[in-house]
Amino acid sequence: MGIEYRLTLAGDIPLERLAPLVAPHGVEESTLPGYPRLLTADLAEELGYTITISGGKHGYFDAEDDDGTQWEWEPDTYASVVFHLRKNDPPEDVVPNMVSAVARVLDSGQEDAALVLNGNWLLLTRVAGELHEHRPSWWDTYRVSGMIMR
């Protein structure tokens, strides 16, 4: 099992707006009938991760906040970019690439947003334009604190 980071943005966001920000060389679109629309890209050799971009309605997301409380969020519509890191790749080499992509996405709009690690730990939120980095030790460990402009 690898490491997974999920960046979720509130709103009815065209997936095509997000794709070039996280996968500059293009994405593939899922053609499976009856499934939600998915865009994917394998950037494992270049950047150390693969991505999946999807959208949805009536979302529910939760994660553990810095102090151990449960954070919950229920956007009416949303788009998510999931970064899948391989378990054998050193995360210290890959996380800066992923955080750079997150920064590009956040710079492209003002939507409320959240970045969650492995579906459990809240790392970043943007609510009403205010950006907050959670879990400072994570940001310091990977030397990515401040990479996302406020």
C-alpha atoms as a PDB file:
ATOM      1  CA  MET A   1       0.000   0.000   0.000  1.00  0.00           C
ATOM      2  CA  GLY A   2       1.302   3.428  -0.895  1.00  0.00           C
ATOM      3  CA  ILE A   3       0.710   6.886   0.470  1.00  0.00           C
ATOM      4  CA  GLU A   4      -2.281   8.886  -0.711  1.00  0.00           C
ATOM      5  CA  TYR A   5      -2.882  12.626  -0.553  1.00  0.00           C
ATOM      6  CA  ARG A   6      -6.335  13.967  -1.480  1.00  0.00           C
ATOM      7  CA  LEU A   7      -6.813  17.621  -2.392  1.00  0.00           C
ATOM      8  CA  THR A   8     -10.512  18.486  -2.484  1.00  0.00           C
ATOM      9  CA  LEU A   9     -11.961  21.758  -3.764  1.00  0.00           C
ATOM     10  CA  ALA A  10     -15.529  22.879  -3.137  1.00  0.00           C
ATOM     11  CA  GLY A  11     -17.615  23.770  -6.166  1.00  0.00           C
ATOM     12  CA  ASP A  12     -18.571  22.574  -9.618  1.00  0.00           C
ATOM     13  CA  ILE A  13     -15.056  22.760 -11.036  1.00  0.00           C
ATOM     14  CA  PRO A  14     -14.324  21.505 -14.555  1.00  0.00           C
ATOM     15  CA  LEU A  15     -11.840  18.655 -14.321  1.00  0.00           C
ATOM     16  CA  GLU A  16     -10.116  20.056 -17.409  1.00  0.00           C
ATOM     17  CA  ARG A  17      -9.193  23.159 -15.396  1.00  0.00           C
ATOM     18  CA  LEU A  18      -7.296  21.038 -12.867  1.00  0.00           C
ATOM     19  CA  ALA A  19      -5.637  18.566 -15.236  1.00  0.00           C
ATOM     20  CA  PRO A  20      -2.919  20.811 -16.722  1.00  0.00           C
ATOM     21  CA  LEU A  21      -2.031  22.108 -13.264  1.00  0.00           C
ATOM     22  CA  VAL A  22      -1.146  18.649 -11.934  1.00  0.00           C
ATOM     23  CA  ALA A  23      -0.363  16.727 -15.148  1.00  0.00           C
ATOM     24  CA  PRO A  24       1.186  19.105 -17.673  1.00  0.00           C
ATOM     25  CA  HIS A  25       1.783  16.328 -20.240  1.00  0.00           C
ATOM     26  CA  GLY A  26      -1.853  15.285 -20.361  1.00  0.00           C
ATOM     27  CA  VAL A  27      -4.290  12.875 -18.754  1.00  0.00           C
ATOM     28  CA  GLU A  28      -6.278   9.843 -19.798  1.00  0.00           C
ATOM     29  CA  GLU A  29     -10.043   9.742 -19.370  1.00  0.00           C
ATOM     30  CA  SER A  30     -11.792   6.690 -17.998  1.00  0.00           C
ATOM     31  CA  THR A  31     -14.337   5.271 -20.412  1.00  0.00           C
ATOM     32  CA  LEU A  32     -15.975   2.748 -18.096  1.00  0.00           C
ATOM     33  CA  PRO A  33     -19.757   3.051 -18.485  1.00  0.00           C
ATOM     34  CA  GLY A  34     -21.735   3.634 -15.308  1.00  0.00           C
ATOM     35  CA  TYR A  35     -18.789   5.028 -13.346  1.00  0.00           C
ATOM     36  CA  PRO A  36     -18.066   8.647 -12.499  1.00  0.00           C
ATOM     37  CA  ARG A  37     -15.822  10.531 -14.869  1.00  0.00           C
ATOM     38  CA  LEU A  38     -12.142  10.122 -13.981  1.00  0.00           C
ATOM     39  CA  LEU A  39      -8.988  11.668 -15.392  1.00  0.00           C
ATOM     40  CA  THR A  40      -5.716   9.911 -14.623  1.00  0.00           C
ATOM     41  CA  ALA A  41      -2.016  10.354 -15.269  1.00  0.00           C
ATOM     42  CA  ASP A  42       0.987   8.224 -14.407  1.00  0.00           C
ATOM     43  CA  LEU A  43       3.744  10.591 -13.362  1.00  0.00           C
ATOM     44  CA  ALA A  44       5.578   8.023 -11.236  1.00  0.00           C
ATOM     45  CA  GLU A  45       8.834   8.109 -13.190  1.00  0.00           C
ATOM     46  CA  GLU A  46       8.867  11.891 -13.612  1.00  0.00           C
ATOM     47  CA  LEU A  47       7.438  13.175 -10.306  1.00  0.00           C
ATOM     48  CA  GLY A  48       6.979  10.100  -8.120  1.00  0.00           C
ATOM     49  CA  TYR A  49       3.201   9.779  -8.121  1.00  0.00           C
ATOM     50  CA  THR A  50       0.136   8.968 -10.167  1.00  0.00           C
ATOM     51  CA  ILE A  51      -2.970  11.133 -10.046  1.00  0.00           C
ATOM     52  CA  THR A  52      -6.692  10.665 -10.264  1.00  0.00           C
ATOM     53  CA  ILE A  53      -8.981  13.649 -10.817  1.00  0.00           C
ATOM     54  CA  SER A  54     -12.707  13.294 -10.187  1.00  0.00           C
ATOM     55  CA  GLY A  55     -15.742  15.304  -9.219  1.00  0.00           C
ATOM     56  CA  GLY A  56     -18.867  14.651  -7.274  1.00  0.00           C
ATOM     57  CA  LYS A  57     -21.934  15.904  -5.453  1.00  0.00           C
ATOM     58  CA  HIS A  58     -23.056  15.739  -1.841  1.00  0.00           C
ATOM     59  CA  GLY A  59     -19.558  15.092  -0.549  1.00  0.00           C
ATOM     60  CA  TYR A  60     -18.562  14.055   2.919  1.00  0.00           C
ATOM     61  CA  PHE A  61     -14.946  14.266   4.040  1.00  0.00           C
ATOM     62  CA  ASP A  62     -13.441  13.854   7.471  1.00  0.00           C
ATOM     63  CA  ALA A  63      -9.982  13.685   9.005  1.00  0.00           C
ATOM     64  CA  GLU A  64      -8.218  14.076  12.308  1.00  0.00           C
ATOM     65  CA  ASP A  65      -7.197  17.652  13.089  1.00  0.00           C
ATOM     66  CA  ASP A  66      -3.975  18.698  14.891  1.00  0.00           C
ATOM     67  CA  ASP A  67      -5.491  18.306  18.344  1.00  0.00           C
ATOM     68  CA  GLY A  68      -7.090  14.922  17.669  1.00  0.00           C
ATOM     69  CA  THR A  69     -10.598  16.249  17.030  1.00  0.00           C
ATOM     70  CA  GLN A  70     -12.545  15.041  14.026  1.00  0.00           C
ATOM     71  CA  TRP A  71     -12.774  17.607  11.220  1.00  0.00           C
ATOM     72  CA  GLU A  72     -15.775  17.201   8.882  1.00  0.00           C
ATOM     73  CA  TRP A  73     -16.731  18.902   5.642  1.00  0.00           C
ATOM     74  CA  GLU A  74     -19.763  18.409   3.372  1.00  0.00           C
ATOM     75  CA  PRO A  75     -19.444  20.373   0.119  1.00  0.00           C
ATOM     76  CA  ASP A  76     -22.485  20.255  -2.175  1.00  0.00           C
ATOM     77  CA  THR A  77     -20.251  19.794  -5.213  1.00  0.00           C
ATOM     78  CA  TYR A  78     -16.516  19.176  -5.321  1.00  0.00           C
ATOM     79  CA  ALA A  79     -13.517  18.139  -7.352  1.00  0.00           C
ATOM     80  CA  SER A  80     -10.690  16.028  -5.968  1.00  0.00           C
ATOM     81  CA  VAL A  81      -7.138  15.392  -7.049  1.00  0.00           C
ATOM     82  CA  VAL A  82      -5.683  12.259  -5.462  1.00  0.00           C
ATOM     83  CA  PHE A  83      -1.917  11.842  -5.496  1.00  0.00           C
ATOM     84  CA  HIS A  84      -0.848   8.191  -5.137  1.00  0.00           C
ATOM     85  CA  LEU A  85       2.770   7.769  -4.003  1.00  0.00           C
ATOM     86  CA  ARG A  86       4.455   4.396  -4.335  1.00  0.00           C
ATOM     87  CA  LYS A  87       5.348   2.785  -1.020  1.00  0.00           C
ATOM     88  CA  ASN A  88       8.947   2.097  -2.014  1.00  0.00           C
ATOM     89  CA  ASP A  89       9.798   5.629  -3.123  1.00  0.00           C
ATOM     90  CA  PRO A  90      11.260   7.903  -0.438  1.00  0.00           C
ATOM     91  CA  PRO A  91       8.497  10.428   0.327  1.00  0.00           C
ATOM     92  CA  GLU A  92      11.032  13.182   1.014  1.00  0.00           C
ATOM     93  CA  ASP A  93      11.861  13.096  -2.719  1.00  0.00           C
ATOM     94  CA  VAL A  94       8.221  13.102  -3.860  1.00  0.00           C
ATOM     95  CA  VAL A  95       6.326  15.300  -1.363  1.00  0.00           C
ATOM     96  CA  PRO A  96       7.838  18.601  -2.616  1.00  0.00           C
ATOM     97  CA  ASN A  97       6.658  17.745  -6.155  1.00  0.00           C
ATOM     98  CA  MET A  98       3.169  16.998  -4.852  1.00  0.00           C
ATOM     99  CA  VAL A  99       3.013  20.172  -2.735  1.00  0.00           C
ATOM    100  CA  SER A 100       4.089  22.223  -5.776  1.00  0.00           C
ATOM    101  CA  ALA A 101       1.156  20.767  -7.726  1.00  0.00           C
ATOM    102  CA  VAL A 102      -1.207  21.519  -4.817  1.00  0.00           C
ATOM    103  CA  ALA A 103       0.078  25.107  -4.782  1.00  0.00           C
ATOM    104  CA  ARG A 104      -0.631  25.502  -8.507  1.00  0.00           C
ATOM    105  CA  VAL A 105      -4.187  24.247  -8.037  1.00  0.00           C
ATOM    106  CA  LEU A 106      -4.822  26.544  -5.075  1.00  0.00           C
ATOM    107  CA  ASP A 107      -3.334  29.521  -6.941  1.00  0.00           C
ATOM    108  CA  SER A 108      -5.764  28.909  -9.825  1.00  0.00           C
ATOM    109  CA  GLY A 109      -8.887  29.775  -7.805  1.00  0.00           C
ATOM    110  CA  GLN A 110     -10.302  30.744  -4.443  1.00  0.00           C
ATOM    111  CA  GLU A 111     -12.457  27.712  -3.638  1.00  0.00           C
ATOM    112  CA  ASP A 112     -12.573  26.272  -0.142  1.00  0.00           C
ATOM    113  CA  ALA A 113     -10.147  23.358  -0.065  1.00  0.00           C
ATOM    114  CA  ALA A 114      -8.660  20.609   2.077  1.00  0.00           C
ATOM    115  CA  LEU A 115      -5.582  18.406   1.778  1.00  0.00           C
ATOM    116  CA  VAL A 116      -5.783  15.088   3.652  1.00  0.00           C
ATOM    117  CA  LEU A 117      -3.120  12.386   4.093  1.00  0.00           C
ATOM    118  CA  ASN A 118      -4.224   8.739   3.750  1.00  0.00           C
ATOM    119  CA  GLY A 119      -7.849   9.679   4.461  1.00  0.00           C
ATOM    120  CA  ASN A 120      -6.934  10.255   8.102  1.00  0.00           C
ATOM    121  CA  TRP A 121      -4.856  13.363   8.757  1.00  0.00           C
ATOM    122  CA  LEU A 122      -5.791  16.911   7.884  1.00  0.00           C
ATOM    123  CA  LEU A 123      -2.795  18.801   6.468  1.00  0.00           C
ATOM    124  CA  LEU A 124      -4.258  21.966   4.945  1.00  0.00           C
ATOM    125  CA  THR A 125      -7.526  23.864   4.739  1.00  0.00           C
ATOM    126  CA  ARG A 126      -8.628  26.984   2.932  1.00  0.00           C
ATOM    127  CA  VAL A 127     -11.930  28.394   4.147  1.00  0.00           C
ATOM    128  CA  ALA A 128     -13.280  31.755   2.972  1.00  0.00           C
ATOM    129  CA  GLY A 129      -9.865  32.546   1.499  1.00  0.00           C
ATOM    130  CA  GLU A 130      -7.943  31.825   4.706  1.00  0.00           C
ATOM    131  CA  LEU A 131      -5.251  29.175   4.329  1.00  0.00           C
ATOM    132  CA  HIS A 132      -4.187  27.112   7.342  1.00  0.00           C
ATOM    133  CA  GLU A 133      -1.414  24.506   7.459  1.00  0.00           C
ATOM    134  CA  HIS A 134      -2.246  21.786   9.978  1.00  0.00           C
ATOM    135  CA  ARG A 135       0.323  19.427  11.510  1.00  0.00           C
ATOM    136  CA  PRO A 136       3.355  21.742  11.391  1.00  0.00           C
ATOM    137  CA  SER A 137       5.747  18.829  12.002  1.00  0.00           C
ATOM    138  CA  TRP A 138       4.663  17.234   8.693  1.00  0.00           C
ATOM    139  CA  TRP A 139       5.385  20.455   6.773  1.00  0.00           C
ATOM    140  CA  ASP A 140       8.755  20.820   8.530  1.00  0.00           C
ATOM    141  CA  THR A 141       9.743  17.156   8.039  1.00  0.00           C
ATOM    142  CA  TYR A 142       9.416  17.455   4.260  1.00  0.00           C
ATOM    143  CA  ARG A 143      10.743  21.038   4.160  1.00  0.00           C
ATOM    144  CA  VAL A 144       7.619  22.276   2.370  1.00  0.00           C
ATOM    145  CA  SER A 145       6.365  24.788   4.914  1.00  0.00           C
ATOM    146  CA  GLY A 146       5.574  28.048   3.145  1.00  0.00           C
ATOM    147  CA  MET A 147       5.575  26.511  -0.375  1.00  0.00           C
ATOM    148  CA  ILE A 148       1.871  27.288  -0.634  1.00  0.00           C
ATOM    149  CA  MET A 149       1.412  31.047  -0.626  1.00  0.00           C
ATOM    150  CA  ARG A 150      -1.180  32.512   1.650  1.00  0.00           C
END
